[in-house]
Amino acid sequence: MNKRKLQYVALLIAVLLIAIISLANMQTVTVNFLLVQFKLPLIILILVCVLLGSLVTFLVSLPKNFSLKHELKEAKKQLGHKMSGDKNKDKKIDEA
């Protein structure tokens, strides 16, 4: 099974799981947040918490991702200089 089909199967399984969880968690819950109190379906609360957790994880990982991208760019630059230096050596050997 190729990668694209595997991704579609994983997506389908995830959608089915979300649908099952949604149907099982339709009851209304009361949420107390600071001085505010409101009611909403439990599945909405679960989804909001998952999305907030994903956002926090993404934001926390940003500095590391930027530093890794910078390191990769520098490594490619150094490799490019090294490769161009090797080409110049080959030209000098051919001329001799």
PDB file of N, CA and C in Angstrom:
ATOM      1  N   MET A   1       0.858  -1.177   0.000  1.00  0.00           N
ATOM      2  CA  MET A   1       0.000   0.000   0.000  1.00  0.00           C
ATOM      3  C   MET A   1       0.904   1.239   0.000  1.00  0.00           C
ATOM      4  N   ASN A   2       0.664   2.145  -0.932  1.00  0.00           N
ATOM      5  CA  ASN A   2       1.528   3.320  -0.998  1.00  0.00           C
ATOM      6  C   ASN A   2       1.167   4.337   0.088  1.00  0.00           C
ATOM      7  N   LYS A   3       2.024   5.325   0.210  1.00  0.00           N
ATOM      8  CA  LYS A   3       1.902   6.297   1.300  1.00  0.00           C
ATOM      9  C   LYS A   3       0.594   7.089   1.225  1.00  0.00           C
ATOM     10  N   ARG A   4       0.181   7.470   0.036  1.00  0.00           N
ATOM     11  CA  ARG A   4      -1.030   8.280  -0.140  1.00  0.00           C
ATOM     12  C   ARG A   4      -2.270   7.498   0.319  1.00  0.00           C
ATOM     13  N   LYS A   5      -2.363   6.228  -0.063  1.00  0.00           N
ATOM     14  CA  LYS A   5      -3.507   5.411   0.354  1.00  0.00           C
ATOM     15  C   LYS A   5      -3.503   5.213   1.861  1.00  0.00           C
ATOM     16  N   LEU A   6      -2.332   5.031   2.424  1.00  0.00           N
ATOM     17  CA  LEU A   6      -2.217   4.856   3.869  1.00  0.00           C
ATOM     18  C   LEU A   6      -2.690   6.112   4.605  1.00  0.00           C
ATOM     19  N   GLN A   7      -2.378   7.284   4.063  1.00  0.00           N
ATOM     20  CA  GLN A   7      -2.832   8.536   4.663  1.00  0.00           C
ATOM     21  C   GLN A   7      -4.358   8.648   4.602  1.00  0.00           C
ATOM     22  N   TYR A   8      -4.953   8.246   3.486  1.00  0.00           N
ATOM     23  CA  TYR A   8      -6.415   8.286   3.367  1.00  0.00           C
ATOM     24  C   TYR A   8      -7.080   7.329   4.350  1.00  0.00           C
ATOM     25  N   VAL A   9      -6.507   6.142   4.514  1.00  0.00           N
ATOM     26  CA  VAL A   9      -7.061   5.174   5.461  1.00  0.00           C
ATOM     27  C   VAL A   9      -6.968   5.727   6.880  1.00  0.00           C
ATOM     28  N   ALA A  10      -5.824   6.325   7.228  1.00  0.00           N
ATOM     29  CA  ALA A  10      -5.649   6.908   8.564  1.00  0.00           C
ATOM     30  C   ALA A  10      -6.639   8.050   8.785  1.00  0.00           C
ATOM     31  N   LEU A  11      -6.847   8.875   7.770  1.00  0.00           N
ATOM     32  CA  LEU A  11      -7.809   9.977   7.875  1.00  0.00           C
ATOM     33  C   LEU A  11      -9.230   9.446   8.064  1.00  0.00           C
ATOM     34  N   LEU A  12      -9.585   8.421   7.318  1.00  0.00           N
ATOM     35  CA  LEU A  12     -10.913   7.828   7.444  1.00  0.00           C
ATOM     36  C   LEU A  12     -11.125   7.253   8.842  1.00  0.00           C
ATOM     37  N   ILE A  13     -10.123   6.567   9.370  1.00  0.00           N
ATOM     38  CA  ILE A  13     -10.219   6.018  10.725  1.00  0.00           C
ATOM     39  C   ILE A  13     -10.373   7.143  11.745  1.00  0.00           C
ATOM     40  N   ALA A  14      -9.607   8.217  11.586  1.00  0.00           N
ATOM     41  CA  ALA A  14      -9.695   9.348  12.512  1.00  0.00           C
ATOM     42  C   ALA A  14     -11.084   9.985  12.469  1.00  0.00           C
ATOM     43  N   VAL A  15     -11.633  10.166  11.283  1.00  0.00           N
ATOM     44  CA  VAL A  15     -12.970  10.758  11.147  1.00  0.00           C
ATOM     45  C   VAL A  15     -14.020   9.857  11.791  1.00  0.00           C
ATOM     46  N   LEU A  16     -13.906   8.555  11.578  1.00  0.00           N
ATOM     47  CA  LEU A  16     -14.853   7.620  12.192  1.00  0.00           C
ATOM     48  C   LEU A  16     -14.753   7.649  13.716  1.00  0.00           C
ATOM     49  N   LEU A  17     -13.539   7.697  14.237  1.00  0.00           N
ATOM     50  CA  LEU A  17     -13.363   7.773  15.687  1.00  0.00           C
ATOM     51  C   LEU A  17     -13.963   9.056  16.255  1.00  0.00           C
ATOM     52  N   ILE A  18     -13.745  10.159  15.576  1.00  0.00           N
ATOM     53  CA  ILE A  18     -14.310  11.434  16.034  1.00  0.00           C
ATOM     54  C   ILE A  18     -15.837  11.374  16.013  1.00  0.00           C
ATOM     55  N   ALA A  19     -16.403  10.764  14.979  1.00  0.00           N
ATOM     56  CA  ALA A  19     -17.865  10.643  14.899  1.00  0.00           C
ATOM     57  C   ALA A  19     -18.401   9.784  16.039  1.00  0.00           C
ATOM     58  N   ILE A  20     -17.735   8.674  16.326  1.00  0.00           N
ATOM     59  CA  ILE A  20     -18.177   7.792  17.415  1.00  0.00           C
ATOM     60  C   ILE A  20     -18.074   8.507  18.761  1.00  0.00           C
ATOM     61  N   ILE A  21     -16.953   9.181  18.985  1.00  0.00           N
ATOM     62  CA  ILE A  21     -16.769   9.913  20.243  1.00  0.00           C
ATOM     63  C   ILE A  21     -17.811  11.027  20.363  1.00  0.00           C
ATOM     64  N   SER A  22     -18.114  11.687  19.249  1.00  0.00           N
ATOM     65  CA  SER A  22     -19.114  12.762  19.266  1.00  0.00           C
ATOM     66  C   SER A  22     -20.483  12.238  19.668  1.00  0.00           C
ATOM     67  N   LEU A  23     -20.864  11.111  19.105  1.00  0.00           N
ATOM     68  CA  LEU A  23     -22.170  10.540  19.429  1.00  0.00           C
ATOM     69  C   LEU A  23     -22.239  10.076  20.880  1.00  0.00           C
ATOM     70  N   ALA A  24     -21.112   9.637  21.420  1.00  0.00           N
ATOM     71  CA  ALA A  24     -21.093   9.145  22.800  1.00  0.00           C
ATOM     72  C   ALA A  24     -21.019  10.281  23.820  1.00  0.00           C
ATOM     73  N   ASN A  25     -20.683  11.491  23.393  1.00  0.00           N
ATOM     74  CA  ASN A  25     -20.488  12.607  24.321  1.00  0.00           C
ATOM     75  C   ASN A  25     -21.349  13.811  23.952  1.00  0.00           C
ATOM     76  N   MET A  26     -22.622  13.585  23.797  1.00  0.00           N
ATOM     77  CA  MET A  26     -23.533  14.665  23.416  1.00  0.00           C
ATOM     78  C   MET A  26     -24.121  15.408  24.616  1.00  0.00           C
ATOM     79  N   GLN A  27     -23.920  14.897  25.828  1.00  0.00           N
ATOM     80  CA  GLN A  27     -24.513  15.549  26.997  1.00  0.00           C
ATOM     81  C   GLN A  27     -23.905  16.939  27.205  1.00  0.00           C
ATOM     82  N   THR A  28     -24.672  17.796  27.818  1.00  0.00           N
ATOM     83  CA  THR A  28     -24.250  19.164  28.084  1.00  0.00           C
ATOM     84  C   THR A  28     -23.528  19.223  29.425  1.00  0.00           C
ATOM     85  N   VAL A  29     -22.429  19.982  29.446  1.00  0.00           N
ATOM     86  CA  VAL A  29     -21.670  20.158  30.688  1.00  0.00           C
ATOM     87  C   VAL A  29     -21.570  21.645  31.002  1.00  0.00           C
ATOM     88  N   THR A  30     -21.402  21.951  32.272  1.00  0.00           N
ATOM     89  CA  THR A  30     -21.221  23.329  32.712  1.00  0.00           C
ATOM     90  C   THR A  30     -19.733  23.580  32.893  1.00  0.00           C
ATOM     91  N   VAL A  31     -19.257  24.658  32.302  1.00  0.00           N
ATOM     92  CA  VAL A  31     -17.843  25.016  32.387  1.00  0.00           C
ATOM     93  C   VAL A  31     -17.724  26.307  33.187  1.00  0.00           C
ATOM     94  N   ASN A  32     -16.881  26.284  34.212  1.00  0.00           N
ATOM     95  CA  ASN A  32     -16.580  27.483  34.999  1.00  0.00           C
ATOM     96  C   ASN A  32     -15.184  27.948  34.608  1.00  0.00           C
ATOM     97  N   PHE A  33     -15.100  29.103  33.980  1.00  0.00           N
ATOM     98  CA  PHE A  33     -13.813  29.650  33.554  1.00  0.00           C
ATOM     99  C   PHE A  33     -13.691  31.061  34.107  1.00  0.00           C
ATOM    100  N   LEU A  34     -12.773  31.222  35.051  1.00  0.00           N
ATOM    101  CA  LEU A  34     -12.599  32.466  35.779  1.00  0.00           C
ATOM    102  C   LEU A  34     -13.936  32.844  36.417  1.00  0.00           C
ATOM    103  N   LEU A  35     -14.530  33.948  36.020  1.00  0.00           N
ATOM    104  CA  LEU A  35     -15.801  34.365  36.610  1.00  0.00           C
ATOM    105  C   LEU A  35     -16.993  34.049  35.713  1.00  0.00           C
ATOM    106  N   VAL A  36     -16.743  33.362  34.613  1.00  0.00           N
ATOM    107  CA  VAL A  36     -17.788  33.072  33.634  1.00  0.00           C
ATOM    108  C   VAL A  36     -18.213  31.611  33.761  1.00  0.00           C
ATOM    109  N   GLN A  37     -19.503  31.387  33.627  1.00  0.00           N
ATOM    110  CA  GLN A  37     -20.041  30.034  33.660  1.00  0.00           C
ATOM    111  C   GLN A  37     -20.917  29.846  32.427  1.00  0.00           C
ATOM    112  N   PHE A  38     -20.666  28.777  31.670  1.00  0.00           N
ATOM    113  CA  PHE A  38     -21.476  28.521  30.485  1.00  0.00           C
ATOM    114  C   PHE A  38     -21.635  27.022  30.271  1.00  0.00           C
ATOM    115  N   LYS A  39     -22.635  26.673  29.465  1.00  0.00           N
ATOM    116  CA  LYS A  39     -22.932  25.272  29.171  1.00  0.00           C
ATOM    117  C   LYS A  39     -22.675  25.013  27.694  1.00  0.00           C
ATOM    118  N   LEU A  40     -22.111  23.846  27.411  1.00  0.00           N
ATOM    119  CA  LEU A  40     -21.881  23.446  26.039  1.00  0.00           C
ATOM    120  C   LEU A  40     -21.779  21.925  25.972  1.00  0.00           C
ATOM    121  N   PRO A  41     -21.943  21.351  24.775  1.00  0.00           N
ATOM    122  CA  PRO A  41     -21.814  19.901  24.646  1.00  0.00           C
ATOM    123  C   PRO A  41     -20.392  19.442  24.991  1.00  0.00           C
ATOM    124  N   LEU A  42     -20.296  18.280  25.609  1.00  0.00           N
ATOM    125  CA  LEU A  42     -19.004  17.760  26.044  1.00  0.00           C
ATOM    126  C   LEU A  42     -18.034  17.600  24.880  1.00  0.00           C
ATOM    127  N   ILE A  43     -18.520  17.166  23.722  1.00  0.00           N
ATOM    128  CA  ILE A  43     -17.628  16.965  22.578  1.00  0.00           C
ATOM    129  C   ILE A  43     -16.995  18.280  22.137  1.00  0.00           C
ATOM    130  N   ILE A  44     -17.736  19.380  22.235  1.00  0.00           N
ATOM    131  CA  ILE A  44     -17.174  20.689  21.881  1.00  0.00           C
ATOM    132  C   ILE A  44     -16.051  21.041  22.852  1.00  0.00           C
ATOM    133  N   LEU A  45     -16.273  20.790  24.127  1.00  0.00           N
ATOM    134  CA  LEU A  45     -15.237  21.046  25.129  1.00  0.00           C
ATOM    135  C   LEU A  45     -13.995  20.204  24.857  1.00  0.00           C
ATOM    136  N   ILE A  46     -14.191  18.937  24.522  1.00  0.00           N
ATOM    137  CA  ILE A  46     -13.058  18.053  24.217  1.00  0.00           C
ATOM    138  C   ILE A  46     -12.298  18.568  23.001  1.00  0.00           C
ATOM    139  N   LEU A  47     -13.018  18.923  21.941  1.00  0.00           N
ATOM    140  CA  LEU A  47     -12.363  19.415  20.723  1.00  0.00           C
ATOM    141  C   LEU A  47     -11.614  20.723  20.965  1.00  0.00           C
ATOM    142  N   VAL A  48     -12.201  21.629  21.736  1.00  0.00           N
ATOM    143  CA  VAL A  48     -11.524  22.894  22.052  1.00  0.00           C
ATOM    144  C   VAL A  48     -10.238  22.622  22.829  1.00  0.00           C
ATOM    145  N   CYS A  49     -10.298  21.707  23.784  1.00  0.00           N
ATOM    146  CA  CYS A  49      -9.100  21.377  24.567  1.00  0.00           C
ATOM    147  C   CYS A  49      -8.016  20.745  23.696  1.00  0.00           C
ATOM    148  N   VAL A  50      -8.412  19.865  22.778  1.00  0.00           N
ATOM    149  CA  VAL A  50      -7.444  19.248  21.864  1.00  0.00           C
ATOM    150  C   VAL A  50      -6.810  20.309  20.969  1.00  0.00           C
ATOM    151  N   LEU A  51      -7.626  21.212  20.437  1.00  0.00           N
ATOM    152  CA  LEU A  51      -7.097  22.270  19.572  1.00  0.00           C
ATOM    153  C   LEU A  51      -6.172  23.216  20.335  1.00  0.00           C
ATOM    154  N   LEU A  52      -6.540  23.573  21.558  1.00  0.00           N
ATOM    155  CA  LEU A  52      -5.669  24.435  22.366  1.00  0.00           C
ATOM    156  C   LEU A  52      -4.352  23.731  22.690  1.00  0.00           C
ATOM    157  N   GLY A  53      -4.423  22.446  22.993  1.00  0.00           N
ATOM    158  CA  GLY A  53      -3.204  21.680  23.252  1.00  0.00           C
ATOM    159  C   GLY A  53      -2.306  21.614  22.032  1.00  0.00           C
ATOM    160  N   SER A  54      -2.908  21.433  20.860  1.00  0.00           N
ATOM    161  CA  SER A  54      -2.139  21.410  19.614  1.00  0.00           C
ATOM    162  C   SER A  54      -1.489  22.762  19.349  1.00  0.00           C
ATOM    163  N   LEU A  55      -2.226  23.828  19.598  1.00  0.00           N
ATOM    164  CA  LEU A  55      -1.689  25.175  19.396  1.00  0.00           C
ATOM    165  C   LEU A  55      -0.513  25.445  20.329  1.00  0.00           C
ATOM    166  N   VAL A  56      -0.650  25.087  21.589  1.00  0.00           N
ATOM    167  CA  VAL A  56       0.441  25.286  22.553  1.00  0.00           C
ATOM    168  C   VAL A  56       1.665  24.475  22.138  1.00  0.00           C
ATOM    169  N   THR A  57       1.460  23.222  21.724  1.00  0.00           N
ATOM    170  CA  THR A  57       2.574  22.379  21.280  1.00  0.00           C
ATOM    171  C   THR A  57       3.272  22.998  20.081  1.00  0.00           C
ATOM    172  N   PHE A  58       2.501  23.502  19.131  1.00  0.00           N
ATOM    173  CA  PHE A  58       3.068  24.143  17.950  1.00  0.00           C
ATOM    174  C   PHE A  58       3.886  25.370  18.333  1.00  0.00           C
ATOM    175  N   LEU A  59       3.327  26.212  19.193  1.00  0.00           N
ATOM    176  CA  LEU A  59       4.024  27.437  19.591  1.00  0.00           C
ATOM    177  C   LEU A  59       5.301  27.138  20.370  1.00  0.00           C
ATOM    178  N   VAL A  60       5.267  26.117  21.207  1.00  0.00           N
ATOM    179  CA  VAL A  60       6.457  25.759  21.985  1.00  0.00           C
ATOM    180  C   VAL A  60       7.549  25.203  21.072  1.00  0.00           C
ATOM    181  N   SER A  61       7.165  24.517  19.989  1.00  0.00           N
ATOM    182  CA  SER A  61       8.157  23.912  19.098  1.00  0.00           C
ATOM    183  C   SER A  61       8.733  24.896  18.075  1.00  0.00           C
ATOM    184  N   LEU A  62       8.144  26.074  17.922  1.00  0.00           N
ATOM    185  CA  LEU A  62       8.614  27.036  16.919  1.00  0.00           C
ATOM    186  C   LEU A  62      10.085  27.429  17.074  1.00  0.00           C
ATOM    187  N   PRO A  63      10.552  27.812  18.259  1.00  0.00           N
ATOM    188  CA  PRO A  63      11.960  28.208  18.361  1.00  0.00           C
ATOM    189  C   PRO A  63      12.923  27.096  17.934  1.00  0.00           C
ATOM    190  N   LYS A  64      12.644  25.868  18.319  1.00  0.00           N
ATOM    191  CA  LYS A  64      13.514  24.752  17.944  1.00  0.00           C
ATOM    192  C   LYS A  64      13.488  24.543  16.438  1.00  0.00           C
ATOM    193  N   ASN A  65      12.306  24.638  15.832  1.00  0.00           N
ATOM    194  CA  ASN A  65      12.202  24.477  14.383  1.00  0.00           C
ATOM    195  C   ASN A  65      12.982  25.562  13.647  1.00  0.00           C
ATOM    196  N   PHE A  66      12.895  26.814  14.119  1.00  0.00           N
ATOM    197  CA  PHE A  66      13.639  27.893  13.476  1.00  0.00           C
ATOM    198  C   PHE A  66      15.141  27.663  13.584  1.00  0.00           C
ATOM    199  N   SER A  67      15.607  27.226  14.752  1.00  0.00           N
ATOM    200  CA  SER A  67      17.043  26.996  14.907  1.00  0.00           C
ATOM    201  C   SER A  67      17.500  25.833  14.031  1.00  0.00           C
ATOM    202  N   LEU A  68      16.698  24.785  13.914  1.00  0.00           N
ATOM    203  CA  LEU A  68      17.068  23.660  13.053  1.00  0.00           C
ATOM    204  C   LEU A  68      17.102  24.074  11.585  1.00  0.00           C
ATOM    205  N   LYS A  69      16.153  24.906  11.157  1.00  0.00           N
ATOM    206  CA  LYS A  69      16.158  25.390   9.778  1.00  0.00           C
ATOM    207  C   LYS A  69      17.395  26.241   9.510  1.00  0.00           C
ATOM    208  N   HIS A  70      17.770  27.064  10.487  1.00  0.00           N
ATOM    209  CA  HIS A  70      18.963  27.896  10.338  1.00  0.00           C
ATOM    210  C   HIS A  70      20.210  27.017  10.235  1.00  0.00           C
ATOM    211  N   GLU A  71      20.314  26.003  11.090  1.00  0.00           N
ATOM    212  CA  GLU A  71      21.458  25.092  11.040  1.00  0.00           C
ATOM    213  C   GLU A  71      21.520  24.371   9.701  1.00  0.00           C
ATOM    214  N   LEU A  72      20.380  23.940   9.186  1.00  0.00           N
ATOM    215  CA  LEU A  72      20.340  23.250   7.901  1.00  0.00           C
ATOM    216  C   LEU A  72      20.791  24.174   6.777  1.00  0.00           C
ATOM    217  N   LYS A  73      20.334  25.422   6.813  1.00  0.00           N
ATOM    218  CA  LYS A  73      20.733  26.391   5.791  1.00  0.00           C
ATOM    219  C   LYS A  73      22.245  26.619   5.822  1.00  0.00           C
ATOM    220  N   GLU A  74      22.801  26.748   7.030  1.00  0.00           N
ATOM    221  CA  GLU A  74      24.248  26.938   7.166  1.00  0.00           C
ATOM    222  C   GLU A  74      25.013  25.713   6.674  1.00  0.00           C
ATOM    223  N   ALA A  75      24.525  24.522   6.991  1.00  0.00           N
ATOM    224  CA  ALA A  75      25.195  23.295   6.557  1.00  0.00           C
ATOM    225  C   ALA A  75      25.170  23.180   5.033  1.00  0.00           C
ATOM    226  N   LYS A  76      24.034  23.533   4.414  1.00  0.00           N
ATOM    227  CA  LYS A  76      23.950  23.500   2.954  1.00  0.00           C
ATOM    228  C   LYS A  76      24.901  24.512   2.334  1.00  0.00           C
ATOM    229  N   LYS A  77      25.000  25.681   2.970  1.00  0.00           N
ATOM    230  CA  LYS A  77      25.900  26.717   2.470  1.00  0.00           C
ATOM    231  C   LYS A  77      27.347  26.229   2.529  1.00  0.00           C
ATOM    232  N   GLN A  78      27.735  25.631   3.659  1.00  0.00           N
ATOM    233  CA  GLN A  78      29.094  25.111   3.803  1.00  0.00           C
ATOM    234  C   GLN A  78      29.363  23.988   2.810  1.00  0.00           C
ATOM    235  N   LEU A  79      28.382  23.124   2.608  1.00  0.00           N
ATOM    236  CA  LEU A  79      28.535  22.033   1.657  1.00  0.00           C
ATOM    237  C   LEU A  79      28.687  22.578   0.244  1.00  0.00           C
ATOM    238  N   GLY A  80      27.942  23.625  -0.080  1.00  0.00           N
ATOM    239  CA  GLY A  80      28.054  24.247  -1.391  1.00  0.00           C
ATOM    240  C   GLY A  80      29.437  24.833  -1.615  1.00  0.00           C
ATOM    241  N   HIS A  81      29.987  25.498  -0.592  1.00  0.00           N
ATOM    242  CA  HIS A  81      31.340  26.047  -0.703  1.00  0.00           C
ATOM    243  C   HIS A  81      32.355  24.927  -0.856  1.00  0.00           C
ATOM    244  N   LYS A  82      32.175  23.861  -0.121  1.00  0.00           N
ATOM    245  CA  LYS A  82      33.105  22.739  -0.192  1.00  0.00           C
ATOM    246  C   LYS A  82      33.041  22.088  -1.568  1.00  0.00           C
ATOM    247  N   MET A  83      31.832  21.932  -2.099  1.00  0.00           N
ATOM    248  CA  MET A  83      31.675  21.317  -3.417  1.00  0.00           C
ATOM    249  C   MET A  83      32.279  22.204  -4.499  1.00  0.00           C
ATOM    250  N   SER A  84      32.099  23.514  -4.412  1.00  0.00           N
ATOM    251  CA  SER A  84      32.676  24.407  -5.417  1.00  0.00           C
ATOM    252  C   SER A  84      34.193  24.418  -5.289  1.00  0.00           C
ATOM    253  N   GLY A  85      34.712  24.268  -4.080  1.00  0.00           N
ATOM    254  CA  GLY A  85      36.155  24.170  -3.879  1.00  0.00           C
ATOM    255  C   GLY A  85      36.716  22.907  -4.501  1.00  0.00           C
ATOM    256  N   ASP A  86      35.987  21.805  -4.405  1.00  0.00           N
ATOM    257  CA  ASP A  86      36.419  20.548  -5.013  1.00  0.00           C
ATOM    258  C   ASP A  86      36.434  20.657  -6.527  1.00  0.00           C
ATOM    259  N   LYS A  87      35.496  21.380  -7.122  1.00  0.00           N
ATOM    260  CA  LYS A  87      35.460  21.555  -8.569  1.00  0.00           C
ATOM    261  C   LYS A  87      36.666  22.359  -9.033  1.00  0.00           C
ATOM    262  N   ASN A  88      37.045  23.384  -8.259  1.00  0.00           N
ATOM    263  CA  ASN A  88      38.213  24.191  -8.615  1.00  0.00           C
ATOM    264  C   ASN A  88      39.475  23.349  -8.561  1.00  0.00           C
ATOM    265  N   LYS A  89      39.584  22.444  -7.586  1.00  0.00           N
ATOM    266  CA  LYS A  89      40.748  21.557  -7.499  1.00  0.00           C
ATOM    267  C   LYS A  89      40.819  20.661  -8.725  1.00  0.00           C
ATOM    268  N   ASP A  90      39.669  20.146  -9.170  1.00  0.00           N
ATOM    269  CA  ASP A  90      39.642  19.288 -10.352  1.00  0.00           C
ATOM    270  C   ASP A  90      40.104  20.055 -11.582  1.00  0.00           C
ATOM    271  N   LYS A  91      39.711  21.330 -11.711  1.00  0.00           N
ATOM    272  CA  LYS A  91      40.128  22.142 -12.851  1.00  0.00           C
ATOM    273  C   LYS A  91      41.634  22.353 -12.829  1.00  0.00           C
ATOM    274  N   LYS A  92      42.203  22.614 -11.642  1.00  0.00           N
ATOM    275  CA  LYS A  92      43.643  22.828 -11.527  1.00  0.00           C
ATOM    276  C   LYS A  92      44.403  21.561 -11.888  1.00  0.00           C
ATOM    277  N   ILE A  93      43.890  20.412 -11.505  1.00  0.00           N
ATOM    278  CA  ILE A  93      44.554  19.146 -11.829  1.00  0.00           C
ATOM    279  C   ILE A  93      44.508  18.907 -13.327  1.00  0.00           C
ATOM    280  N   ASP A  94      43.375  19.197 -13.976  1.00  0.00           N
ATOM    281  CA  ASP A  94      43.242  19.015 -15.419  1.00  0.00           C
ATOM    282  C   ASP A  94      44.185  19.946 -16.175  1.00  0.00           C
ATOM    283  N   GLU A  95      44.394  21.161 -15.669  1.00  0.00           N
ATOM    284  CA  GLU A  95      45.258  22.132 -16.331  1.00  0.00           C
ATOM    285  C   GLU A  95      46.722  21.726 -16.227  1.00  0.00           C
ATOM    286  N   ALA A  96      47.090  21.024 -15.186  1.00  0.00           N
ATOM    287  CA  ALA A  96      48.499  20.655 -14.963  1.00  0.00           C
ATOM    288  C   ALA A  96      48.943  19.543 -15.841  1.00  0.00           C
TER     289      ALA A  96
END
